[in-house]
């Protein structure tokens, strides 16, 4: 899995370097005009490249919004964005500027204050909760490939070994608490009260806990580091990815058929910009045939939105 991370970052870095070098290409000396009544018009390589870029920009939102500032973190969705989407949009005249923001709350505040333009590291359930709590108007505009949340071994390596009083750790934010409880109910560890929307599950909604399991809520990024303190741990895809944990070692995980729509990762923007041309271009890049072919070259752990199936 760490190889995938390195390969994605290498591909993305290569694309960024190639982009930065393209503007430094030297012009070739034009051949002398032939002796005809009308002299030939010659075009240098640099002029041709500039004309193509300007033509692309005229046809897209790059004319009015040429620079896209995005939150960059070492997550699977960020790496995929840089490797597969950035090159498509650079050909349309866009320039991309990564901004490092480690904290998810600060990430959303930066987005709401236009310090960044977009990110690809949250799902609809999280954004809806954040908007409700903070009074922001962030918008999830397109579902994108998603790494599933899974339950991984801690001190125990088989789900059948569950015992009374075992401890299980999972993320402490509201949307991923609900996601974790849904997964635990899917594997039969608990039963949830009926009539509650799964994206709103809380610990108070547990109807039956036959093994009297103890649930410990922690900041998602810290869980993998203390995994042996628990019988099992639940990790978001990004947390497993950052910890270098092979997704194939998950004991159970969300699947393509049962993941909730609100738990699919999204392109996130400030709501006041959601209808602007550059946002539509980002969406179009994800929905393009070029990206559809690119995702086929990636690992099979991705849960894909319908438009990429």
Foldseek 3Di string as FASTA:
>chain_A
DVVQLVVLVVLLVVLQVVLVCLQVDDWDDDDAFDPDPDTDDDDTPNRVLVVQLVVLQVVFLCVVVQEAEEEADSFPQNSLCSNQPVNVVVSSRHHYHYDYDDDPLVRVVCQQVVVGFWYFPAFQLLVVVSCVVPVFAKDFQDFFWFFWKFKFFALAQAPVPDAAAFEEEEADDQQRQLVVVVQCVVVPQFPFAPPDDSSRDDPVRTDDRPSNYHYHHDHQLCCVVNRNVGRMYIHGNRSCVVVVHDSVSGNDTDDLPPDDNRGGTGIMHRVVCCPRRVNVSSVVSRLDPSSLVVCVVDDPSIRGDPSSD
